[in-house]
Amino acid sequence: TTYLAIATVSCSTGWMYNSTKFTISCRADKSWEPISGACVLADCGRGLTINQGSVTYGSTTTFNSSATVTCNSGYTANGASQIVSCYPNATWSTTICGALDCGAAPSIIRGRALTSSTLYP
């Protein structure tokens, strides 16, 4: 490596560099500038909010950790898992708690039941 060469600092999947200086240079004394940061495990934290639901976290919230989403009564995870995962970029996967669909209203002999929606509530 030659004088003034530049090296770019990057971290493995699931790890994040905790500095804003991502490059280092080769100095005139044949040494590299010191790296100003470190690779730390990506942490999604405990701030995930789900409309019409709640989140229960495990013991950790770092990369590859999971949390459980519980939908409120009358709501369900619409086609998605109730388990969310911490991604390598320190964000949670997500799910949506959607209203349960009651389907068509029951029929009544010599009458009808009208609805404006089949969704709860």
N, C-alpha and C. Protein backbone atom coordinates (compact mmCIF):
# COMPACT_ATOMS: atom_id res chain seq x y z
N THR A 1 0.85 -1.18 0.00
CA THR A 1 0.00 0.00 0.00
C THR A 1 0.89 1.24 0.00
N THR A 2 0.50 2.23 -0.76
CA THR A 2 1.33 3.42 -0.91
C THR A 2 0.81 4.58 -0.08
N TYR A 3 1.70 5.53 0.13
CA TYR A 3 1.38 6.76 0.85
C TYR A 3 0.12 7.41 0.26
N LEU A 4 -0.78 7.85 1.12
CA LEU A 4 -2.05 8.51 0.82
C LEU A 4 -3.13 7.56 0.26
N ALA A 5 -2.83 6.28 0.22
CA ALA A 5 -3.87 5.32 -0.18
C ALA A 5 -5.02 5.41 0.82
N ILE A 6 -6.18 5.13 0.33
CA ILE A 6 -7.40 5.23 1.16
C ILE A 6 -7.98 3.83 1.36
N ALA A 7 -8.41 3.54 2.56
CA ALA A 7 -9.14 2.30 2.86
C ALA A 7 -10.51 2.69 3.39
N THR A 8 -11.53 1.94 2.98
CA THR A 8 -12.89 2.19 3.44
C THR A 8 -13.24 1.16 4.50
N VAL A 9 -13.79 1.65 5.60
CA VAL A 9 -14.17 0.79 6.72
C VAL A 9 -15.61 0.32 6.50
N SER A 10 -15.84 -0.97 6.65
CA SER A 10 -17.21 -1.49 6.59
C SER A 10 -17.32 -2.64 7.59
N CYS A 11 -18.53 -2.97 7.93
CA CYS A 11 -18.78 -4.01 8.93
C CYS A 11 -19.50 -5.19 8.30
N SER A 12 -19.39 -6.33 8.92
CA SER A 12 -20.08 -7.53 8.47
C SER A 12 -21.59 -7.36 8.64
N THR A 13 -22.34 -8.20 7.96
CA THR A 13 -23.81 -8.17 8.04
C THR A 13 -24.27 -8.26 9.50
N GLY A 14 -25.15 -7.35 9.86
CA GLY A 14 -25.69 -7.34 11.22
C GLY A 14 -24.88 -6.49 12.19
N TRP A 15 -23.80 -5.93 11.71
CA TRP A 15 -22.96 -5.06 12.52
C TRP A 15 -22.94 -3.69 11.88
N MET A 16 -22.87 -2.64 12.70
CA MET A 16 -22.90 -1.27 12.20
C MET A 16 -21.70 -0.50 12.73
N TYR A 17 -21.15 0.33 11.86
CA TYR A 17 -19.99 1.16 12.22
C TYR A 17 -20.49 2.36 13.00
N ASN A 18 -19.93 2.59 14.16
CA ASN A 18 -20.45 3.65 15.05
C ASN A 18 -19.68 4.97 14.93
N SER A 19 -19.20 5.28 13.75
CA SER A 19 -18.50 6.54 13.52
C SER A 19 -18.96 7.11 12.18
N THR A 20 -18.75 8.39 11.99
CA THR A 20 -19.11 9.01 10.71
C THR A 20 -17.93 9.04 9.76
N LYS A 21 -16.74 8.66 10.22
CA LYS A 21 -15.54 8.65 9.38
C LYS A 21 -15.33 7.22 8.87
N PHE A 22 -15.66 7.01 7.58
CA PHE A 22 -15.63 5.67 7.00
C PHE A 22 -14.35 5.36 6.22
N THR A 23 -13.43 6.32 6.14
CA THR A 23 -12.18 6.07 5.42
C THR A 23 -10.98 6.40 6.31
N ILE A 24 -9.88 5.70 6.02
CA ILE A 24 -8.61 5.99 6.68
C ILE A 24 -7.54 6.08 5.59
N SER A 25 -6.45 6.79 5.88
CA SER A 25 -5.39 7.00 4.89
C SER A 25 -4.07 6.43 5.37
N CYS A 26 -3.28 6.04 4.39
CA CYS A 26 -1.92 5.61 4.67
C CYS A 26 -1.08 6.87 4.87
N ARG A 27 -0.36 6.93 5.97
CA ARG A 27 0.41 8.13 6.32
C ARG A 27 1.86 8.01 5.83
N ALA A 28 2.57 9.15 5.87
CA ALA A 28 3.96 9.23 5.40
C ALA A 28 4.89 8.34 6.21
N ASP A 29 4.52 8.02 7.45
CA ASP A 29 5.39 7.17 8.28
C ASP A 29 5.11 5.68 8.07
N LYS A 30 4.39 5.34 6.98
CA LYS A 30 4.05 3.96 6.61
C LYS A 30 3.05 3.31 7.57
N SER A 31 2.26 4.11 8.25
CA SER A 31 1.23 3.56 9.13
C SER A 31 -0.13 4.08 8.65
N TRP A 32 -1.16 3.41 9.11
CA TRP A 32 -2.51 3.85 8.78
C TRP A 32 -3.03 4.77 9.87
N GLU A 33 -3.87 5.72 9.47
CA GLU A 33 -4.58 6.52 10.47
C GLU A 33 -5.33 5.56 11.38
N PRO A 34 -5.49 5.92 12.64
CA PRO A 34 -6.28 5.04 13.50
C PRO A 34 -7.76 5.04 13.07
N ILE A 35 -8.40 3.91 13.23
CA ILE A 35 -9.84 3.81 12.96
C ILE A 35 -10.57 4.45 14.13
N SER A 36 -11.48 5.35 13.81
CA SER A 36 -12.12 6.15 14.86
C SER A 36 -13.35 5.48 15.47
N GLY A 37 -13.80 4.39 14.92
CA GLY A 37 -15.00 3.75 15.44
C GLY A 37 -14.80 2.25 15.58
N ALA A 38 -15.91 1.56 15.74
CA ALA A 38 -15.89 0.11 15.88
C ALA A 38 -17.17 -0.45 15.28
N CYS A 39 -17.14 -1.72 14.94
CA CYS A 39 -18.35 -2.40 14.47
C CYS A 39 -19.11 -2.92 15.69
N VAL A 40 -20.33 -2.46 15.82
CA VAL A 40 -21.17 -2.88 16.96
C VAL A 40 -22.40 -3.60 16.41
N LEU A 41 -22.91 -4.53 17.19
CA LEU A 41 -24.06 -5.31 16.77
C LEU A 41 -25.26 -4.39 16.54
N ALA A 42 -25.91 -4.54 15.38
CA ALA A 42 -27.09 -3.72 15.06
C ALA A 42 -28.17 -3.95 16.12
N ASP A 43 -28.73 -2.86 16.63
CA ASP A 43 -29.74 -2.95 17.69
C ASP A 43 -31.00 -2.24 17.23
N CYS A 44 -32.10 -2.98 17.13
CA CYS A 44 -33.38 -2.43 16.68
C CYS A 44 -34.11 -1.66 17.78
N GLY A 45 -33.72 -1.86 19.03
CA GLY A 45 -34.36 -1.16 20.13
C GLY A 45 -35.76 -1.67 20.42
N ARG A 46 -36.44 -0.98 21.33
CA ARG A 46 -37.77 -1.40 21.77
C ARG A 46 -38.85 -0.39 21.38
N GLY A 47 -38.67 0.28 20.25
CA GLY A 47 -39.59 1.34 19.86
C GLY A 47 -40.60 0.97 18.79
N LEU A 48 -40.74 -0.31 18.46
CA LEU A 48 -41.68 -0.71 17.41
C LEU A 48 -43.12 -0.50 17.90
N THR A 49 -43.92 0.18 17.08
CA THR A 49 -45.33 0.36 17.41
C THR A 49 -46.18 -0.30 16.32
N ILE A 50 -47.21 -0.96 16.74
CA ILE A 50 -48.14 -1.64 15.83
C ILE A 50 -49.54 -1.11 16.13
N ASN A 51 -50.19 -0.51 15.12
CA ASN A 51 -51.57 -0.06 15.31
C ASN A 51 -52.45 -1.26 15.64
N GLN A 52 -53.28 -1.12 16.64
CA GLN A 52 -54.20 -2.17 17.09
C GLN A 52 -53.46 -3.42 17.57
N GLY A 53 -52.26 -3.22 18.12
CA GLY A 53 -51.51 -4.37 18.64
C GLY A 53 -50.43 -3.93 19.62
N SER A 54 -49.77 -4.92 20.19
CA SER A 54 -48.67 -4.65 21.12
C SER A 54 -47.51 -5.56 20.77
N VAL A 55 -46.32 -5.20 21.26
CA VAL A 55 -45.11 -5.95 20.96
C VAL A 55 -44.49 -6.44 22.26
N THR A 56 -44.13 -7.72 22.30
CA THR A 56 -43.42 -8.29 23.44
C THR A 56 -42.02 -8.64 22.95
N TYR A 57 -41.03 -8.02 23.58
CA TYR A 57 -39.64 -8.23 23.17
C TYR A 57 -39.02 -9.37 23.97
N GLY A 58 -38.04 -10.02 23.35
CA GLY A 58 -37.25 -11.02 24.04
C GLY A 58 -36.19 -10.33 24.89
N SER A 59 -35.20 -11.07 25.29
CA SER A 59 -34.15 -10.52 26.17
C SER A 59 -33.22 -9.58 25.42
N THR A 60 -33.15 -9.69 24.08
CA THR A 60 -32.32 -8.77 23.30
C THR A 60 -33.12 -8.21 22.14
N THR A 61 -32.63 -7.10 21.60
CA THR A 61 -33.27 -6.47 20.44
C THR A 61 -32.25 -6.26 19.33
N THR A 62 -31.21 -7.07 19.31
CA THR A 62 -30.14 -6.93 18.33
C THR A 62 -30.40 -7.81 17.11
N PHE A 63 -29.55 -7.64 16.09
CA PHE A 63 -29.66 -8.37 14.83
C PHE A 63 -29.99 -9.85 15.06
N ASN A 64 -30.97 -10.34 14.33
CA ASN A 64 -31.48 -11.71 14.39
C ASN A 64 -32.36 -12.00 15.61
N SER A 65 -32.58 -11.02 16.48
CA SER A 65 -33.52 -11.21 17.59
C SER A 65 -34.93 -11.16 17.05
N SER A 66 -35.87 -11.65 17.82
CA SER A 66 -37.26 -11.59 17.40
C SER A 66 -38.13 -11.02 18.51
N ALA A 67 -39.30 -10.57 18.13
CA ALA A 67 -40.30 -10.06 19.06
C ALA A 67 -41.65 -10.59 18.59
N THR A 68 -42.60 -10.65 19.50
CA THR A 68 -43.93 -11.18 19.18
C THR A 68 -44.95 -10.06 19.17
N VAL A 69 -45.74 -10.02 18.12
CA VAL A 69 -46.82 -9.03 17.99
C VAL A 69 -48.12 -9.71 18.39
N THR A 70 -48.87 -9.08 19.28
CA THR A 70 -50.19 -9.55 19.68
C THR A 70 -51.20 -8.50 19.24
N CYS A 71 -52.13 -8.91 18.39
CA CYS A 71 -53.15 -7.98 17.91
C CYS A 71 -54.26 -7.85 18.95
N ASN A 72 -54.86 -6.67 19.02
CA ASN A 72 -55.97 -6.43 19.93
C ASN A 72 -57.17 -7.30 19.53
N SER A 73 -58.08 -7.48 20.44
CA SER A 73 -59.30 -8.24 20.19
C SER A 73 -60.02 -7.66 18.97
N GLY A 74 -60.43 -8.53 18.05
CA GLY A 74 -61.11 -8.08 16.83
C GLY A 74 -60.15 -7.80 15.69
N TYR A 75 -58.86 -8.01 15.90
CA TYR A 75 -57.85 -7.74 14.88
C TYR A 75 -56.94 -8.96 14.75
N THR A 76 -56.34 -9.10 13.56
CA THR A 76 -55.43 -10.22 13.31
C THR A 76 -54.29 -9.76 12.42
N ALA A 77 -53.19 -10.48 12.48
CA ALA A 77 -52.06 -10.18 11.60
C ALA A 77 -52.46 -10.57 10.19
N ASN A 78 -52.63 -9.59 9.32
CA ASN A 78 -53.13 -9.81 7.96
C ASN A 78 -52.10 -10.48 7.07
N GLY A 79 -52.19 -11.78 6.95
CA GLY A 79 -51.33 -12.50 6.03
C GLY A 79 -49.86 -12.41 6.36
N ALA A 80 -49.54 -11.94 7.53
CA ALA A 80 -48.14 -11.79 7.89
C ALA A 80 -47.90 -12.49 9.22
N SER A 81 -46.65 -12.69 9.51
CA SER A 81 -46.29 -13.38 10.74
C SER A 81 -46.53 -12.49 11.95
N GLN A 82 -46.78 -13.13 13.08
CA GLN A 82 -46.88 -12.38 14.33
C GLN A 82 -45.52 -12.30 15.01
N ILE A 83 -44.51 -12.87 14.38
CA ILE A 83 -43.13 -12.77 14.87
C ILE A 83 -42.41 -11.79 13.96
N VAL A 84 -41.79 -10.77 14.55
CA VAL A 84 -41.00 -9.83 13.77
C VAL A 84 -39.53 -10.03 14.12
N SER A 85 -38.66 -9.70 13.18
CA SER A 85 -37.22 -9.93 13.33
C SER A 85 -36.44 -8.63 13.19
N CYS A 86 -35.32 -8.56 13.89
CA CYS A 86 -34.42 -7.42 13.77
C CYS A 86 -33.53 -7.63 12.56
N TYR A 87 -33.62 -6.72 11.60
CA TYR A 87 -32.85 -6.80 10.36
C TYR A 87 -31.42 -6.28 10.56
N PRO A 88 -30.53 -6.58 9.61
CA PRO A 88 -29.13 -6.14 9.73
C PRO A 88 -28.96 -4.62 9.76
N ASN A 89 -29.93 -3.87 9.24
CA ASN A 89 -29.84 -2.40 9.23
C ASN A 89 -30.48 -1.78 10.47
N ALA A 90 -30.71 -2.59 11.51
CA ALA A 90 -31.25 -2.13 12.79
C ALA A 90 -32.70 -1.64 12.69
N THR A 91 -33.48 -2.26 11.82
CA THR A 91 -34.92 -1.99 11.75
C THR A 91 -35.66 -3.31 11.93
N TRP A 92 -36.88 -3.21 12.45
CA TRP A 92 -37.71 -4.40 12.64
C TRP A 92 -38.46 -4.72 11.36
N SER A 93 -38.64 -6.01 11.08
CA SER A 93 -39.61 -6.39 10.06
C SER A 93 -40.96 -5.95 10.64
N THR A 94 -41.98 -5.99 9.85
CA THR A 94 -43.24 -5.46 10.37
C THR A 94 -44.41 -6.37 10.00
N THR A 95 -45.46 -6.18 10.69
CA THR A 95 -46.73 -6.84 10.40
C THR A 95 -47.83 -5.83 10.67
N ILE A 96 -49.00 -6.11 10.16
CA ILE A 96 -50.13 -5.18 10.33
C ILE A 96 -51.26 -5.93 11.03
N CYS A 97 -51.81 -5.33 12.06
CA CYS A 97 -53.00 -5.88 12.70
C CYS A 97 -54.21 -5.27 12.01
N GLY A 98 -54.89 -6.08 11.21
CA GLY A 98 -56.06 -5.61 10.48
C GLY A 98 -57.33 -6.14 11.11
N ALA A 99 -58.41 -5.45 10.86
CA ALA A 99 -59.71 -5.84 11.42
C ALA A 99 -60.13 -7.20 10.88
N LEU A 100 -60.70 -8.02 11.76
CA LEU A 100 -61.24 -9.32 11.34
C LEU A 100 -62.40 -9.09 10.38
N ASP A 101 -62.54 -9.98 9.43
CA ASP A 101 -63.64 -9.90 8.47
C ASP A 101 -64.71 -10.91 8.88
N CYS A 102 -65.88 -10.41 9.21
CA CYS A 102 -66.99 -11.28 9.64
C CYS A 102 -67.69 -11.95 8.47
N GLY A 103 -67.35 -11.58 7.26
CA GLY A 103 -68.01 -12.16 6.09
C GLY A 103 -69.40 -11.59 5.90
N ALA A 104 -70.15 -12.21 5.00
CA ALA A 104 -71.50 -11.73 4.70
C ALA A 104 -72.41 -11.91 5.92
N ALA A 105 -73.32 -10.97 6.07
CA ALA A 105 -74.30 -11.06 7.16
C ALA A 105 -75.21 -12.27 6.92
N PRO A 106 -75.69 -12.89 7.99
CA PRO A 106 -76.54 -14.08 7.80
C PRO A 106 -77.87 -13.69 7.13
N SER A 107 -78.41 -14.67 6.43
CA SER A 107 -79.70 -14.42 5.78
C SER A 107 -80.83 -14.65 6.79
N ILE A 108 -81.94 -14.05 6.52
CA ILE A 108 -83.12 -14.20 7.38
C ILE A 108 -84.31 -14.51 6.46
N ILE A 109 -85.14 -15.42 6.88
CA ILE A 109 -86.29 -15.81 6.06
C ILE A 109 -87.21 -14.60 5.87
N ARG A 110 -87.60 -14.36 4.62
CA ARG A 110 -88.47 -13.25 4.24
C ARG A 110 -87.94 -11.89 4.68
N GLY A 111 -86.60 -11.73 4.70
CA GLY A 111 -86.00 -10.45 5.06
C GLY A 111 -84.54 -10.41 4.66
N ARG A 112 -83.85 -9.45 5.17
CA ARG A 112 -82.43 -9.33 4.85
C ARG A 112 -81.72 -8.59 5.97
N ALA A 113 -80.43 -8.77 6.06
CA ALA A 113 -79.58 -8.05 7.01
C ALA A 113 -78.62 -7.20 6.19
N LEU A 114 -78.71 -5.90 6.32
CA LEU A 114 -77.87 -4.98 5.55
C LEU A 114 -76.66 -4.60 6.39
N THR A 115 -75.52 -4.51 5.75
CA THR A 115 -74.30 -4.08 6.44
C THR A 115 -73.60 -3.02 5.62
N SER A 116 -72.88 -2.16 6.33
CA SER A 116 -72.07 -1.17 5.62
C SER A 116 -70.65 -1.69 5.44
N SER A 117 -70.29 -2.69 6.27
CA SER A 117 -68.96 -3.29 6.17
C SER A 117 -69.01 -4.65 6.84
N THR A 118 -68.12 -5.55 6.42
CA THR A 118 -68.05 -6.85 7.05
C THR A 118 -66.87 -6.92 8.03
N LEU A 119 -66.19 -5.78 8.21
CA LEU A 119 -65.03 -5.76 9.10
C LEU A 119 -65.41 -5.37 10.52
N TYR A 120 -64.67 -5.93 11.47
CA TYR A 120 -64.83 -5.57 12.88
C TYR A 120 -64.27 -4.18 13.06
N PRO A 121 -64.75 -3.34 13.88
CA PRO A 121 -65.98 -3.34 14.64
C PRO A 121 -67.12 -2.79 13.84
